[in-house]
Amino acid sequence: MKISHSGLTVLFASTALCSAFYLPQTKIPFDLVAVKFCPQTANINQINAIKFQQKLDRKYCSYEYKLLKEIWDKKQFEALRPLPESSFIIRNIPANQSSNLWYLLSPVAMGIAYLSYAKKCEDDENKAHLELEGFKTNIKLYGVNAREERDFKTQAIKTGWDKQRVKSGFISVEAIQDNLRRQQEIQDKTHASTLKQFDTADAEMDKKIADNLRDKHKADKESQKILGNKNIEAENNTPNSTNLELDEKYHWIYKLLKLPFRVLSGEQGSGKSTLERLMIRLLKDDGWHIVIVNPETNPTVWSGVQVLADESEINEFFEAFPVTIKERQQQARSLKIDEDDYLDYIKDKRGLEGKVAIFLMESNTYEVHGVDADFWANFLKQSLTNIRKWGFTVCLTAHSDNQTSISSKLQGFSKLIDSSPRVDCIAKAGLNGEATSSGKALLKMKGINDKEPIEVDLYNYPKSKKF
């Protein structure tokens, strides 16, 4: 049922007025007495006694007088010769008080009446707006129909005259067709010119947006330097007390982390995992978001890093990686900045929007666990480019130097991985005969076939996955 706001307005306004009438009925803290004087006729013994009595009642008994009960009880108005009590009709009026409900009902009802009236005005305005829009739409439809009808009649008349002119020999069919072709060319050129104008305006808008973003970025950097909220130089020169600082003999690790792609290889127990954890710690201290790709790990034992263990998550991440690189390249072009400025642009961003370090652990097992071979191969191919300038770095860990064991679809690209910088961790036989880390590794900056590898010391990082 549709609610009539006009009716609600009248209803609650009337309720408010009626309740306001009872507001003055405040407390009566005293008792009253209502007295009517009804004397008895002296002609009671006559035939017309009833008539005489009615006449007296109309004259006196029709009026009621109120006075305080206390005064009536004290008989302050009693005459010297008191009248008989039978001549009076007495009604006691006890003290009473009005309910507080009227104090609340009046303003509430008036408020509801106001809201109803406001809603009525809003509905009237919307209705008028809709009617006006409908009227405007009808006018446009009539105008369009009239214009189309006029154009149709004009074209029909022109076609008829053209037929007469051809029939009379004033013009040839080929000339008419040539005119039509020229008109179509003019329409096509006009349409193309309009599209170019839109494209130009769109390009100008994109340029303004890019300029504004670039100016905003520069202004943020300047304000940070001036106000000292995020003093970049101070952050670079003042090391965090929680950051790990390596001795000079381990500084080769810092150089390795500045590369876009690196390989860690060696037998099981040779120290690859220890070196991985150290690299994760150093990159995380430097503000990198860490992504661990390992289908054989338990994500719950890690903290402070993003772990991808499910094949669907890994496939989604690998498939999106080349697209993400292209998006960052396009963003840099839109901002009109080069690679170095882009790294500076994203350095304060967090998560996958900032700098991302990807660690490919147990990579020999990816395809066994259902990782798509094409997505995996495309990810590796993209990783072999200079992805660090776009805020990415990748570390590949493998037990084998045979690249076909890493991905079955690396034909033509395995040489690029072989030529990538790598660290071959050296194992030794332990007391129980099992392989253990020797604390040494061979740093091969020219790849697997580096003729002059450098023997380096491995840092003994704690066996913890809490970062």
Protein backbone atom coordinates (compact mmCIF):
# COMPACT_ATOMS: atom_id res chain seq x y z
CA MET A 1 0.00 0.00 0.00
CA LYS A 2 1.38 3.37 -1.01
CA ILE A 3 1.83 5.78 1.90
CA SER A 4 0.36 9.26 1.45
CA HIS A 5 2.86 11.69 2.94
CA SER A 6 0.28 14.46 2.72
CA GLY A 7 -2.09 12.45 4.89
CA LEU A 8 0.69 11.66 7.37
CA THR A 9 1.56 15.34 7.56
CA VAL A 10 -2.04 16.34 8.38
CA LEU A 11 -2.45 13.45 10.83
CA PHE A 12 0.62 14.12 12.91
CA ALA A 13 0.23 17.90 12.75
CA SER A 14 -3.29 17.48 14.17
CA THR A 15 -1.96 15.10 16.82
CA ALA A 16 0.70 17.61 17.80
CA LEU A 17 -1.86 20.41 18.11
CA CYS A 18 -4.23 18.26 20.16
CA SER A 19 -1.49 17.13 22.51
CA ALA A 20 -0.32 20.71 22.84
CA PHE A 21 -3.79 21.57 24.07
CA TYR A 22 -3.30 19.28 27.04
CA LEU A 23 0.14 20.61 27.90
CA PRO A 24 -1.26 23.46 30.10
CA GLN A 25 -3.16 20.85 32.13
CA THR A 26 -0.50 20.79 34.78
CA LYS A 27 -0.76 19.31 38.28
CA ILE A 28 -3.75 20.36 40.54
CA PRO A 29 -2.39 19.96 44.08
CA PHE A 30 -5.73 20.74 45.84
CA ASP A 31 -9.28 19.42 46.08
CA LEU A 32 -12.30 21.32 44.76
CA VAL A 33 -16.00 21.28 45.45
CA ALA A 34 -18.64 21.89 42.76
CA VAL A 35 -21.88 23.32 44.27
CA LYS A 36 -25.30 23.78 42.65
CA PHE A 37 -28.02 25.77 44.45
CA CYS A 38 -31.34 24.03 43.90
CA PRO A 39 -33.97 25.49 46.35
CA GLN A 40 -37.30 23.80 46.82
CA THR A 41 -40.43 25.73 45.82
CA ALA A 42 -42.61 27.05 48.58
CA ASN A 43 -45.71 26.15 46.56
CA ILE A 44 -45.18 22.47 47.05
CA ASN A 45 -48.75 21.94 48.25
CA GLN A 46 -50.34 23.60 45.26
CA ILE A 47 -51.56 21.93 42.10
CA ASN A 48 -48.80 23.51 39.90
CA ALA A 49 -45.97 22.64 42.32
CA ILE A 50 -43.98 20.75 39.65
CA LYS A 51 -44.19 23.64 37.25
CA PHE A 52 -42.98 26.07 39.92
CA GLN A 53 -40.12 23.70 40.82
CA GLN A 54 -38.94 23.43 37.18
CA LYS A 55 -38.93 27.19 36.91
CA LEU A 56 -36.69 27.47 39.99
CA ASP A 57 -34.35 24.77 38.66
CA ARG A 58 -33.92 26.60 35.36
CA LYS A 59 -33.12 29.79 37.20
CA TYR A 60 -30.70 28.46 39.84
CA CYS A 61 -29.86 24.81 39.48
CA SER A 62 -28.37 25.13 35.94
CA TYR A 63 -25.19 26.75 37.23
CA GLU A 64 -22.32 25.06 39.06
CA TYR A 65 -19.90 26.93 41.25
CA LYS A 66 -16.40 25.64 42.16
CA LEU A 67 -14.44 26.55 45.26
CA LEU A 68 -11.77 25.04 47.42
CA LYS A 69 -12.98 22.10 49.48
CA GLU A 70 -11.07 23.44 52.48
CA ILE A 71 -13.07 26.69 52.36
CA TRP A 72 -16.34 24.82 51.87
CA ASP A 73 -15.65 22.57 54.82
CA LYS A 74 -14.93 25.58 57.07
CA LYS A 75 -18.26 27.11 55.95
CA GLN A 76 -16.74 30.55 55.50
CA PHE A 77 -19.59 31.57 53.18
CA GLU A 78 -22.41 30.30 55.33
CA ALA A 79 -25.28 32.79 55.87
CA LEU A 80 -26.62 33.82 59.27
CA ARG A 81 -29.64 31.72 58.55
CA PRO A 82 -28.15 28.69 56.83
CA LEU A 83 -30.07 27.11 54.02
CA PRO A 84 -31.01 23.49 54.31
CA GLU A 85 -28.43 21.10 52.86
CA SER A 86 -31.13 19.61 50.66
CA SER A 87 -31.04 22.84 48.65
CA PHE A 88 -27.48 22.08 47.46
CA ILE A 89 -26.11 19.49 45.07
CA ILE A 90 -22.45 18.97 46.02
CA ARG A 91 -19.81 17.22 43.83
CA ASN A 92 -16.29 16.65 45.09
CA ILE A 93 -13.43 17.19 42.59
CA PRO A 94 -10.30 15.45 43.93
CA ALA A 95 -6.79 16.70 43.13
CA ASN A 96 -5.33 15.17 39.94
CA GLN A 97 -2.49 15.59 37.39
CA SER A 98 -2.17 15.12 33.65
CA SER A 99 0.06 12.41 32.22
CA ASN A 100 3.59 13.29 31.11
CA LEU A 101 2.81 11.51 27.86
CA TRP A 102 1.46 14.73 26.38
CA TYR A 103 4.80 16.46 26.93
CA LEU A 104 6.47 13.83 24.75
CA LEU A 105 3.75 13.21 22.20
CA SER A 106 3.46 16.80 21.00
CA PRO A 107 7.07 17.36 19.83
CA VAL A 108 7.36 13.81 18.47
CA ALA A 109 4.19 14.18 16.43
CA MET A 110 5.31 17.57 15.14
CA GLY A 111 8.69 16.11 14.15
CA ILE A 112 7.04 13.27 12.25
CA ALA A 113 4.73 15.76 10.57
CA TYR A 114 7.75 17.83 9.49
CA LEU A 115 9.54 14.78 8.10
CA SER A 116 6.41 13.69 6.27
CA TYR A 117 6.05 17.13 4.74
CA ALA A 118 9.72 17.14 3.72
CA LYS A 119 9.30 13.73 2.10
CA LYS A 120 6.18 14.95 0.33
CA CYS A 121 8.09 17.92 -1.05
CA GLU A 122 10.90 15.61 -2.18
CA ASP A 123 8.44 13.29 -3.92
CA ASP A 124 6.76 16.24 -5.61
CA GLU A 125 10.14 17.51 -6.80
CA ASN A 126 11.16 14.09 -8.13
CA LYS A 127 7.83 13.69 -9.84
CA ALA A 128 8.13 17.10 -11.46
CA HIS A 129 11.69 16.29 -12.54
CA LEU A 130 10.62 12.98 -14.09
CA GLU A 131 7.74 14.65 -15.88
CA LEU A 132 10.07 17.34 -17.21
CA GLU A 133 12.61 14.74 -18.37
CA GLY A 134 9.83 12.75 -20.00
CA PHE A 135 8.60 15.90 -21.73
CA LYS A 136 12.12 16.68 -22.96
CA THR A 137 12.54 13.08 -24.17
CA ASN A 138 9.26 13.24 -26.07
CA ILE A 139 10.29 16.53 -27.68
CA LYS A 140 13.60 14.96 -28.76
CA LEU A 141 11.82 11.90 -30.14
CA TYR A 142 9.37 14.08 -32.03
CA GLY A 143 12.24 16.18 -33.34
CA VAL A 144 14.24 13.12 -34.43
CA ASN A 145 11.22 11.52 -36.08
CA ALA A 146 10.36 14.75 -37.85
CA ARG A 147 13.94 15.20 -39.02
CA GLU A 148 14.16 11.60 -40.23
CA GLU A 149 10.83 11.92 -42.00
CA ARG A 150 11.93 15.20 -43.58
CA ASP A 151 15.26 13.68 -44.65
CA PHE A 152 13.47 10.64 -46.04
CA LYS A 153 11.05 12.78 -48.03
CA THR A 154 13.89 15.00 -49.25
CA GLN A 155 15.88 11.96 -50.34
CA ALA A 156 12.81 10.47 -52.02
CA ILE A 157 12.16 13.72 -53.89
CA LYS A 158 15.83 13.99 -54.87
CA THR A 159 15.83 10.40 -56.09
CA GLY A 160 12.72 11.07 -58.13
CA TRP A 161 14.25 14.17 -59.72
CA ASP A 162 17.46 12.25 -60.44
CA LYS A 163 15.45 9.60 -62.26
CA GLN A 164 13.72 12.31 -64.30
CA ARG A 165 17.02 13.97 -65.12
CA VAL A 166 18.54 10.64 -66.22
CA LYS A 167 15.44 9.85 -68.25
CA SER A 168 15.59 13.27 -69.88
CA GLY A 169 19.30 12.93 -70.57
CA PHE A 170 20.42 15.87 -68.41
CA ILE A 171 22.76 13.64 -66.36
CA SER A 172 24.14 10.13 -66.60
CA VAL A 173 23.87 7.28 -64.10
CA GLU A 174 27.65 7.27 -63.75
CA ALA A 175 27.62 10.94 -62.70
CA ILE A 176 25.00 10.26 -60.03
CA GLN A 177 27.04 7.32 -58.70
CA ASP A 178 30.16 9.49 -58.69
CA ASN A 179 28.34 12.14 -56.63
CA LEU A 180 27.19 9.49 -54.16
CA ARG A 181 30.73 8.14 -53.88
CA ARG A 182 32.11 11.60 -53.19
CA GLN A 183 29.46 12.25 -50.52
CA GLN A 184 30.34 8.94 -48.85
CA GLU A 185 34.05 9.83 -48.92
CA ILE A 186 33.30 13.19 -47.29
CA GLN A 187 31.27 11.47 -44.55
CA ASP A 188 34.03 8.92 -43.95
CA LYS A 189 36.68 11.63 -43.74
CA THR A 190 34.52 13.65 -41.36
CA HIS A 191 34.05 10.61 -39.15
CA ALA A 192 37.78 9.83 -39.19
CA SER A 193 38.61 13.45 -38.37
CA THR A 194 36.20 13.35 -35.41
CA LEU A 195 37.80 10.17 -34.11
CA LYS A 196 41.25 11.75 -34.38
CA GLN A 197 40.04 14.75 -32.40
CA PHE A 198 38.77 12.45 -29.66
CA ASP A 199 42.05 10.50 -29.68
CA THR A 200 44.02 13.73 -29.48
CA ALA A 201 41.95 14.98 -26.55
CA ASP A 202 42.34 11.60 -24.82
CA ALA A 203 46.11 11.67 -25.34
CA GLU A 204 46.30 15.21 -23.96
CA MET A 205 44.34 14.12 -20.89
CA ASP A 206 46.67 11.12 -20.36
CA LYS A 207 49.64 13.44 -20.70
CA LYS A 208 48.24 15.83 -18.10
CA ILE A 209 47.57 12.95 -15.71
CA ALA A 210 51.11 11.64 -16.17
CA ASP A 211 52.55 15.12 -15.64
CA ASN A 212 50.50 15.54 -12.48
CA LEU A 213 51.67 12.17 -11.14
CA ARG A 214 55.27 13.02 -11.92
CA ASP A 215 54.99 16.45 -10.30
CA LYS A 216 53.29 14.93 -7.27
CA HIS A 217 56.05 12.37 -6.92
CA LYS A 218 58.74 15.04 -7.14
CA ALA A 219 56.84 17.26 -4.70
CA ASP A 220 56.51 14.38 -2.23
CA LYS A 221 60.24 13.75 -2.42
CA GLU A 222 61.04 17.41 -1.86
CA SER A 223 58.58 17.72 1.04
CA GLN A 224 60.03 14.61 2.64
CA LYS A 225 63.50 16.10 2.47
CA ILE A 226 62.37 19.52 3.78
CA LEU A 227 60.00 18.42 6.53
CA GLY A 228 62.12 15.49 7.62
CA ASN A 229 59.20 13.05 7.74
CA LYS A 230 61.07 10.51 5.65
CA ASN A 231 64.58 11.82 5.23
CA ILE A 232 65.96 9.60 2.49
CA GLU A 233 69.59 10.46 3.03
CA ALA A 234 69.33 9.97 6.77
CA GLU A 235 67.74 6.58 6.25
CA ASN A 236 70.52 5.53 3.90
CA ASN A 237 73.29 6.80 6.17
CA THR A 238 71.81 5.64 9.48
CA PRO A 239 71.56 1.84 9.63
CA ASN A 240 68.62 0.24 11.41
CA SER A 241 69.63 -1.34 14.67
CA THR A 242 67.75 -4.51 13.67
CA ASN A 243 69.45 -4.80 10.27
CA LEU A 244 72.04 -7.50 9.86
CA GLU A 245 75.54 -6.20 9.09
CA LEU A 246 78.00 -8.67 7.54
CA ASP A 247 81.74 -8.69 7.98
CA GLU A 248 83.91 -7.69 5.06
CA LYS A 249 84.64 -11.28 4.02
CA TYR A 250 80.92 -11.78 3.33
CA HIS A 251 80.46 -8.59 1.27
CA TRP A 252 80.36 -10.69 -1.90
CA ILE A 253 76.77 -11.50 -0.92
CA TYR A 254 75.78 -7.81 -1.16
CA LYS A 255 77.10 -7.68 -4.73
CA LEU A 256 75.21 -10.85 -5.60
CA LEU A 257 71.94 -9.42 -4.30
CA LYS A 258 72.20 -6.44 -6.66
CA LEU A 259 71.83 -8.78 -9.65
CA PRO A 260 68.44 -9.44 -11.29
CA PHE A 261 68.96 -13.22 -11.41
CA ARG A 262 71.22 -15.69 -9.60
CA VAL A 263 71.43 -19.45 -9.18
CA LEU A 264 72.22 -21.44 -6.04
CA SER A 265 73.31 -25.02 -6.64
CA GLY A 266 74.96 -27.82 -4.74
CA GLU A 267 74.30 -31.13 -3.11
CA GLN A 268 71.78 -31.57 -0.36
CA GLY A 269 73.26 -30.34 2.91
CA SER A 270 75.88 -28.18 1.20
CA GLY A 271 74.46 -24.92 2.66
CA LYS A 272 72.07 -23.69 -0.03
CA SER A 273 69.15 -23.25 2.37
CA THR A 274 71.33 -21.38 4.85
CA LEU A 275 72.46 -18.99 2.11
CA GLU A 276 68.83 -18.57 0.98
CA ARG A 277 67.71 -17.57 4.47
CA LEU A 278 70.58 -15.08 4.75
CA MET A 279 69.63 -13.49 1.41
CA ILE A 280 65.97 -13.29 2.48
CA ARG A 281 67.00 -11.51 5.69
CA LEU A 282 69.24 -9.00 3.91
CA LEU A 283 66.66 -8.22 1.19
CA LYS A 284 63.86 -7.87 3.73
CA ASP A 285 66.02 -5.45 5.76
CA ASP A 286 66.40 -3.43 2.55
CA GLY A 287 62.61 -3.13 2.10
CA TRP A 288 61.99 -5.93 -0.40
CA HIS A 289 58.79 -7.98 -0.31
CA ILE A 290 59.76 -11.66 -0.22
CA VAL A 291 57.89 -14.32 -2.20
CA ILE A 292 58.80 -17.97 -1.53
CA VAL A 293 57.80 -20.45 -4.25
CA ASN A 294 58.11 -23.98 -2.85
CA PRO A 295 55.46 -26.66 -3.42
CA GLU A 296 57.11 -28.94 -0.84
CA THR A 297 57.12 -26.58 2.14
CA ASN A 298 54.59 -25.94 4.90
CA PRO A 299 53.53 -22.27 4.72
CA THR A 300 52.62 -22.19 8.41
CA VAL A 301 56.26 -22.51 9.52
CA TRP A 302 57.17 -19.28 7.70
CA SER A 303 56.45 -15.77 8.94
CA GLY A 304 57.23 -12.33 7.53
CA VAL A 305 57.24 -13.61 3.92
CA GLN A 306 54.67 -14.62 1.31
CA VAL A 307 54.72 -18.37 0.62
CA LEU A 308 53.25 -19.98 -2.50
CA ALA A 309 52.92 -23.75 -2.03
CA ASP A 310 49.70 -24.62 -3.87
CA GLU A 311 50.11 -25.32 -7.59
CA SER A 312 47.15 -23.07 -8.49
CA GLU A 313 48.73 -20.12 -6.64
CA ILE A 314 52.08 -20.79 -8.29
CA ASN A 315 50.54 -21.03 -11.76
CA GLU A 316 48.62 -17.80 -11.23
CA PHE A 317 51.75 -16.01 -10.03
CA PHE A 318 53.94 -17.31 -12.89
CA GLU A 319 51.29 -16.45 -15.51
CA ALA A 320 50.87 -12.88 -14.23
CA PHE A 321 54.60 -12.15 -13.89
CA PRO A 322 55.33 -11.12 -17.53
CA VAL A 323 52.16 -9.01 -17.53
CA THR A 324 53.27 -7.28 -14.34
CA ILE A 325 56.63 -6.39 -15.92
CA LYS A 326 54.86 -4.82 -18.91
CA GLU A 327 52.50 -2.89 -16.63
CA ARG A 328 55.43 -1.42 -14.72
CA GLN A 329 57.15 -0.48 -17.96
CA GLN A 330 54.00 1.26 -19.16
CA GLN A 331 53.65 3.02 -15.81
CA ALA A 332 57.19 4.36 -16.11
CA ARG A 333 56.44 5.64 -19.60
CA SER A 334 53.27 7.31 -18.36
CA LEU A 335 55.22 8.97 -15.55
CA LYS A 336 58.00 9.89 -18.00
CA ILE A 337 60.73 8.52 -15.75
CA ASP A 338 63.61 6.17 -16.43
CA GLU A 339 64.45 2.90 -14.66
CA ASP A 340 66.41 4.47 -11.81
CA ASP A 341 63.64 6.93 -11.03
CA TYR A 342 61.11 4.10 -11.18
CA LEU A 343 62.95 2.15 -8.48
CA ASP A 344 62.97 5.31 -6.40
CA TYR A 345 59.24 5.74 -7.17
CA ILE A 346 58.27 2.32 -5.77
CA LYS A 347 60.76 2.10 -2.92
CA ASP A 348 58.20 3.27 -0.33
CA LYS A 349 55.45 0.96 -1.62
CA ARG A 350 54.72 -2.28 0.18
CA GLY A 351 53.80 -5.81 -0.84
CA LEU A 352 53.56 -6.80 -4.48
CA GLU A 353 53.24 -3.11 -5.40
CA GLY A 354 56.83 -2.41 -4.29
CA LYS A 355 60.17 -4.17 -4.68
CA VAL A 356 59.70 -7.94 -4.88
CA ALA A 357 62.36 -10.63 -4.33
CA ILE A 358 61.35 -14.11 -5.56
CA PHE A 359 63.03 -17.25 -4.25
CA LEU A 360 62.46 -20.38 -6.34
CA MET A 361 63.10 -23.25 -3.92
CA GLU A 362 63.03 -26.94 -4.87
CA SER A 363 62.58 -25.82 -8.48
CA ASN A 364 63.36 -29.32 -9.78
CA THR A 365 59.98 -30.47 -8.41
CA TYR A 366 57.66 -27.80 -9.81
CA GLU A 367 56.32 -29.74 -12.78
CA VAL A 368 56.00 -32.89 -10.66
CA HIS A 369 53.62 -31.00 -8.37
CA GLY A 370 51.41 -29.82 -11.23
CA VAL A 371 52.97 -26.45 -12.09
CA ASP A 372 52.18 -25.58 -15.71
CA ALA A 373 55.33 -26.09 -17.80
CA ASP A 374 54.54 -23.19 -20.15
CA PHE A 375 53.88 -20.71 -17.30
CA TRP A 376 57.06 -21.90 -15.55
CA ALA A 377 59.21 -21.59 -18.69
CA ASN A 378 57.79 -18.13 -19.55
CA PHE A 379 58.50 -16.97 -16.01
CA LEU A 380 62.12 -18.10 -16.27
CA LYS A 381 62.53 -16.47 -19.67
CA GLN A 382 61.22 -13.17 -18.30
CA SER A 383 63.47 -13.50 -15.23
CA LEU A 384 66.55 -13.72 -17.46
CA THR A 385 65.93 -10.14 -18.64
CA ASN A 386 66.97 -7.09 -16.63
CA ILE A 387 63.97 -7.26 -14.29
CA ARG A 388 65.72 -5.56 -11.38
CA LYS A 389 65.22 -2.11 -12.90
CA TRP A 390 61.50 -2.82 -12.68
CA GLY A 391 61.71 -3.76 -9.01
CA PHE A 392 62.19 -7.55 -9.20
CA THR A 393 65.01 -9.95 -8.38
CA VAL A 394 64.96 -13.76 -8.64
CA CYS A 395 67.01 -16.45 -6.92
CA LEU A 396 66.80 -19.99 -8.36
CA THR A 397 67.81 -22.97 -6.21
CA ALA A 398 68.37 -26.35 -7.83
CA HIS A 399 70.12 -29.54 -6.85
CA SER A 400 71.13 -30.29 -10.45
CA ASP A 401 73.00 -28.35 -13.12
CA ASN A 402 70.89 -30.07 -15.77
CA GLN A 403 68.44 -27.38 -16.86
CA THR A 404 66.00 -29.85 -18.37
CA SER A 405 65.36 -31.09 -14.85
CA ILE A 406 64.25 -27.57 -13.91
CA SER A 407 61.83 -27.06 -16.79
CA SER A 408 60.98 -29.32 -19.69
CA LYS A 409 60.44 -26.35 -21.99
CA LEU A 410 63.68 -24.42 -21.73
CA GLN A 411 64.99 -25.33 -25.17
CA GLY A 412 67.10 -22.45 -26.44
CA PHE A 413 67.17 -20.70 -23.04
CA SER A 414 69.14 -23.13 -20.90
CA LYS A 415 72.40 -21.47 -21.99
CA LEU A 416 71.17 -18.16 -20.57
CA ILE A 417 70.65 -19.81 -17.18
CA ASP A 418 74.04 -21.52 -17.45
CA SER A 419 75.68 -18.13 -18.07
CA SER A 420 73.90 -16.50 -15.11
CA PRO A 421 75.88 -15.77 -11.92
CA ARG A 422 75.74 -18.66 -9.50
CA VAL A 423 76.99 -19.93 -6.20
CA ASP A 424 78.03 -23.58 -6.02
CA CYS A 425 77.92 -24.60 -2.36
CA ILE A 426 80.58 -27.15 -1.48
CA ALA A 427 79.65 -30.12 0.68
CA LYS A 428 81.89 -32.43 2.70
CA ALA A 429 81.41 -35.78 4.35
CA GLY A 430 80.25 -35.60 7.95
CA LEU A 431 81.07 -37.93 10.83
CA ASN A 432 78.14 -40.17 9.97
CA GLY A 433 78.99 -40.18 6.28
CA GLU A 434 76.23 -37.75 5.28
CA ALA A 435 76.96 -34.60 3.29
CA THR A 436 77.32 -31.42 5.30
CA SER A 437 78.30 -27.86 4.53
CA SER A 438 81.98 -27.14 4.30
CA GLY A 439 81.38 -23.44 4.94
CA LYS A 440 82.80 -22.72 1.49
CA ALA A 441 81.34 -22.04 -1.94
CA LEU A 442 82.48 -21.21 -5.45
CA LEU A 443 81.26 -17.86 -6.78
CA LYS A 444 80.93 -18.08 -10.56
CA MET A 445 79.98 -14.66 -11.87
CA LYS A 446 80.30 -15.82 -15.51
CA GLY A 447 78.09 -18.83 -15.06
CA ILE A 448 78.55 -22.53 -14.78
CA ASN A 449 81.56 -22.57 -17.12
CA ASP A 450 83.43 -19.79 -15.33
CA LYS A 451 87.11 -20.69 -15.64
CA GLU A 452 88.12 -18.52 -12.70
CA PRO A 453 85.66 -19.17 -9.87
CA ILE A 454 86.23 -17.41 -6.56
CA GLU A 455 86.16 -19.41 -3.34
CA VAL A 456 84.09 -17.57 -0.75
CA ASP A 457 83.07 -18.17 2.85
CA LEU A 458 79.44 -19.01 3.67
CA TYR A 459 77.75 -17.16 6.52
CA ASN A 460 76.32 -19.48 9.18
CA TYR A 461 72.82 -18.02 9.42
CA PRO A 462 70.44 -19.44 12.08
CA LYS A 463 68.10 -22.22 11.01
CA SER A 464 64.96 -20.09 11.37
CA LYS A 465 62.14 -19.23 9.01
CA LYS A 466 60.87 -16.28 11.05
CA PHE A 467 61.63 -12.97 9.32
